[in-house]
Amino acid sequence: MLTINVAVLLTVIVILRLRRRTEARSRADEKMTVLIVLVLGLLLAPTPFGQEVLDILAELVNGLSQSGQ
């Protein structure tokens, strides 16, 4: 039986939607893309990959705040 990971499917959808020309997008289309990206973020957040991304971003923000002082 073939299983499809929802996060992978949403990633493919986001990539396909973002490849379209900006001029051709309606406001509703942009809202749908934002909604899909938010759901993808919620699916990735509790995974080990999501935690690693969070750690990297936290280090980056910490480094930037340290350099500004």
N, C-alpha and C. Protein backbone atom coordinates (compact mmCIF):
# COMPACT_ATOMS: atom_id res chain seq x y z
N MET A 1 0.83 -1.18 0.00
CA MET A 1 0.00 0.00 0.00
C MET A 1 0.88 1.25 0.00
N LEU A 2 0.55 2.22 -0.82
CA LEU A 2 1.31 3.45 -0.94
C LEU A 2 0.76 4.48 0.04
N THR A 3 1.65 5.06 0.83
CA THR A 3 1.23 6.12 1.74
C THR A 3 1.89 7.42 1.31
N ILE A 4 1.20 8.51 1.50
CA ILE A 4 1.71 9.83 1.14
C ILE A 4 1.79 10.66 2.41
N ASN A 5 2.96 11.18 2.67
CA ASN A 5 3.15 12.06 3.81
C ASN A 5 2.50 13.41 3.47
N VAL A 6 1.62 13.89 4.34
CA VAL A 6 0.88 15.12 4.08
C VAL A 6 1.84 16.31 3.97
N ALA A 7 2.88 16.34 4.78
CA ALA A 7 3.84 17.44 4.73
C ALA A 7 4.56 17.47 3.38
N VAL A 8 4.91 16.31 2.87
CA VAL A 8 5.57 16.26 1.56
C VAL A 8 4.62 16.71 0.47
N LEU A 9 3.38 16.27 0.54
CA LEU A 9 2.38 16.69 -0.44
C LEU A 9 2.17 18.20 -0.41
N LEU A 10 2.06 18.78 0.78
CA LEU A 10 1.89 20.23 0.89
C LEU A 10 3.13 20.98 0.40
N THR A 11 4.31 20.42 0.62
CA THR A 11 5.53 21.04 0.13
C THR A 11 5.52 21.11 -1.39
N VAL A 12 5.11 20.04 -2.03
CA VAL A 12 5.03 20.02 -3.49
C VAL A 12 4.00 21.05 -3.97
N ILE A 13 2.86 21.12 -3.30
CA ILE A 13 1.83 22.09 -3.69
C ILE A 13 2.34 23.51 -3.54
N VAL A 14 3.05 23.81 -2.45
CA VAL A 14 3.58 25.16 -2.23
C VAL A 14 4.59 25.50 -3.32
N ILE A 15 5.47 24.59 -3.64
CA ILE A 15 6.48 24.85 -4.69
C ILE A 15 5.80 25.12 -6.02
N LEU A 16 4.80 24.32 -6.37
CA LEU A 16 4.10 24.53 -7.63
C LEU A 16 3.36 25.87 -7.65
N ARG A 17 2.74 26.23 -6.53
CA ARG A 17 2.00 27.49 -6.47
C ARG A 17 2.94 28.69 -6.51
N LEU A 18 4.10 28.61 -5.90
CA LEU A 18 5.03 29.74 -5.88
C LEU A 18 5.77 29.91 -7.20
N ARG A 19 5.78 28.89 -8.04
CA ARG A 19 6.44 29.00 -9.34
C ARG A 19 5.62 29.82 -10.34
N ARG A 20 4.34 30.01 -10.06
CA ARG A 20 3.49 30.77 -10.97
C ARG A 20 3.88 32.24 -10.97
N ARG A 21 3.54 32.93 -12.04
CA ARG A 21 3.85 34.35 -12.15
C ARG A 21 3.06 35.14 -11.12
N THR A 22 3.70 36.15 -10.54
CA THR A 22 3.06 36.96 -9.50
C THR A 22 1.88 37.74 -10.05
N GLU A 23 1.99 38.24 -11.27
CA GLU A 23 0.93 39.07 -11.85
C GLU A 23 -0.37 38.28 -12.04
N ALA A 24 -0.26 36.97 -12.19
CA ALA A 24 -1.43 36.16 -12.47
C ALA A 24 -2.19 35.75 -11.21
N ARG A 25 -1.73 36.13 -10.04
CA ARG A 25 -2.37 35.70 -8.79
C ARG A 25 -3.44 36.68 -8.34
N SER A 26 -4.54 36.12 -7.90
CA SER A 26 -5.58 36.96 -7.31
C SER A 26 -5.35 37.03 -5.80
N ARG A 27 -6.09 37.89 -5.14
CA ARG A 27 -5.95 38.02 -3.69
C ARG A 27 -6.37 36.72 -3.00
N ALA A 28 -7.41 36.07 -3.51
CA ALA A 28 -7.86 34.80 -2.93
C ALA A 28 -6.80 33.71 -3.12
N ASP A 29 -6.12 33.73 -4.27
CA ASP A 29 -5.06 32.76 -4.53
C ASP A 29 -3.90 32.97 -3.56
N GLU A 30 -3.55 34.22 -3.29
CA GLU A 30 -2.47 34.51 -2.34
C GLU A 30 -2.85 34.07 -0.93
N LYS A 31 -4.11 34.29 -0.55
CA LYS A 31 -4.57 33.86 0.78
C LYS A 31 -4.52 32.34 0.90
N MET A 32 -4.88 31.63 -0.16
CA MET A 32 -4.84 30.16 -0.13
C MET A 32 -3.39 29.68 0.02
N THR A 33 -2.46 30.33 -0.67
CA THR A 33 -1.05 29.95 -0.55
C THR A 33 -0.55 30.17 0.87
N VAL A 34 -0.92 31.29 1.47
CA VAL A 34 -0.52 31.57 2.86
C VAL A 34 -1.10 30.52 3.80
N LEU A 35 -2.35 30.16 3.61
CA LEU A 35 -2.98 29.14 4.44
C LEU A 35 -2.27 27.79 4.31
N ILE A 36 -1.94 27.41 3.09
CA ILE A 36 -1.24 26.14 2.88
C ILE A 36 0.14 26.16 3.55
N VAL A 37 0.84 27.28 3.44
CA VAL A 37 2.17 27.38 4.06
C VAL A 37 2.05 27.31 5.58
N LEU A 38 1.03 27.94 6.15
CA LEU A 38 0.84 27.88 7.60
C LEU A 38 0.55 26.45 8.06
N VAL A 39 -0.29 25.74 7.33
CA VAL A 39 -0.58 24.35 7.68
C VAL A 39 0.69 23.50 7.56
N LEU A 40 1.48 23.74 6.52
CA LEU A 40 2.74 23.02 6.37
C LEU A 40 3.66 23.29 7.55
N GLY A 41 3.73 24.54 7.99
CA GLY A 41 4.55 24.88 9.17
C GLY A 41 4.08 24.16 10.42
N LEU A 42 2.77 24.07 10.59
CA LEU A 42 2.23 23.37 11.76
C LEU A 42 2.53 21.88 11.70
N LEU A 43 2.56 21.31 10.51
CA LEU A 43 2.87 19.89 10.38
C LEU A 43 4.36 19.61 10.61
N LEU A 44 5.21 20.55 10.21
CA LEU A 44 6.66 20.33 10.36
C LEU A 44 7.19 20.69 11.74
N ALA A 45 6.50 21.57 12.45
CA ALA A 45 7.01 22.07 13.73
C ALA A 45 7.34 20.97 14.74
N PRO A 46 6.48 19.98 14.98
CA PRO A 46 6.81 19.00 16.01
C PRO A 46 7.78 17.91 15.55
N THR A 47 8.19 17.90 14.29
CA THR A 47 9.09 16.86 13.80
C THR A 47 10.53 17.21 14.16
N PRO A 48 11.44 16.24 14.12
CA PRO A 48 12.85 16.53 14.38
C PRO A 48 13.41 17.57 13.39
N PHE A 49 12.98 17.51 12.13
CA PHE A 49 13.43 18.49 11.14
C PHE A 49 12.96 19.89 11.54
N GLY A 50 11.72 20.01 11.96
CA GLY A 50 11.17 21.30 12.38
C GLY A 50 11.90 21.84 13.60
N GLN A 51 12.24 20.98 14.54
CA GLN A 51 12.98 21.42 15.72
C GLN A 51 14.39 21.88 15.35
N GLU A 52 15.01 21.20 14.39
CA GLU A 52 16.34 21.60 13.94
C GLU A 52 16.29 22.98 13.27
N VAL A 53 15.29 23.21 12.45
CA VAL A 53 15.12 24.52 11.81
C VAL A 53 14.91 25.60 12.88
N LEU A 54 14.10 25.29 13.88
CA LEU A 54 13.86 26.24 14.97
C LEU A 54 15.15 26.57 15.72
N ASP A 55 15.97 25.55 15.99
CA ASP A 55 17.24 25.77 16.67
C ASP A 55 18.18 26.65 15.83
N ILE A 56 18.23 26.40 14.53
CA ILE A 56 19.09 27.19 13.65
C ILE A 56 18.63 28.64 13.61
N LEU A 57 17.33 28.84 13.50
CA LEU A 57 16.80 30.21 13.49
C LEU A 57 17.04 30.92 14.82
N ALA A 58 16.91 30.19 15.92
CA ALA A 58 17.16 30.79 17.23
C ALA A 58 18.62 31.22 17.35
N GLU A 59 19.55 30.39 16.87
CA GLU A 59 20.96 30.75 16.90
C GLU A 59 21.24 31.96 16.02
N LEU A 60 20.60 32.01 14.85
CA LEU A 60 20.78 33.13 13.94
C LEU A 60 20.28 34.43 14.56
N VAL A 61 19.10 34.40 15.15
CA VAL A 61 18.55 35.59 15.79
C VAL A 61 19.41 36.02 16.98
N ASN A 62 19.87 35.04 17.75
CA ASN A 62 20.74 35.35 18.88
C ASN A 62 22.04 36.00 18.40
N GLY A 63 22.61 35.47 17.34
CA GLY A 63 23.85 36.04 16.79
C GLY A 63 23.64 37.45 16.27
N LEU A 64 22.51 37.68 15.61
CA LEU A 64 22.22 39.02 15.10
C LEU A 64 21.98 40.02 16.23
N SER A 65 21.32 39.58 17.29
CA SER A 65 21.09 40.49 18.41
C SER A 65 22.39 40.78 19.16
N GLN A 66 23.28 39.81 19.23
CA GLN A 66 24.58 40.03 19.88
C GLN A 66 25.44 41.00 19.08
N SER A 67 25.37 40.91 17.75
CA SER A 67 26.21 41.78 16.91
C SER A 67 25.72 43.22 16.92
N GLY A 68 24.43 43.42 17.25
CA GLY A 68 23.88 44.77 17.28
C GLY A 68 24.21 45.54 18.54
N GLN A 69 24.80 44.89 19.53
CA GLN A 69 25.10 45.57 20.79
C GLN A 69 26.45 46.20 20.80
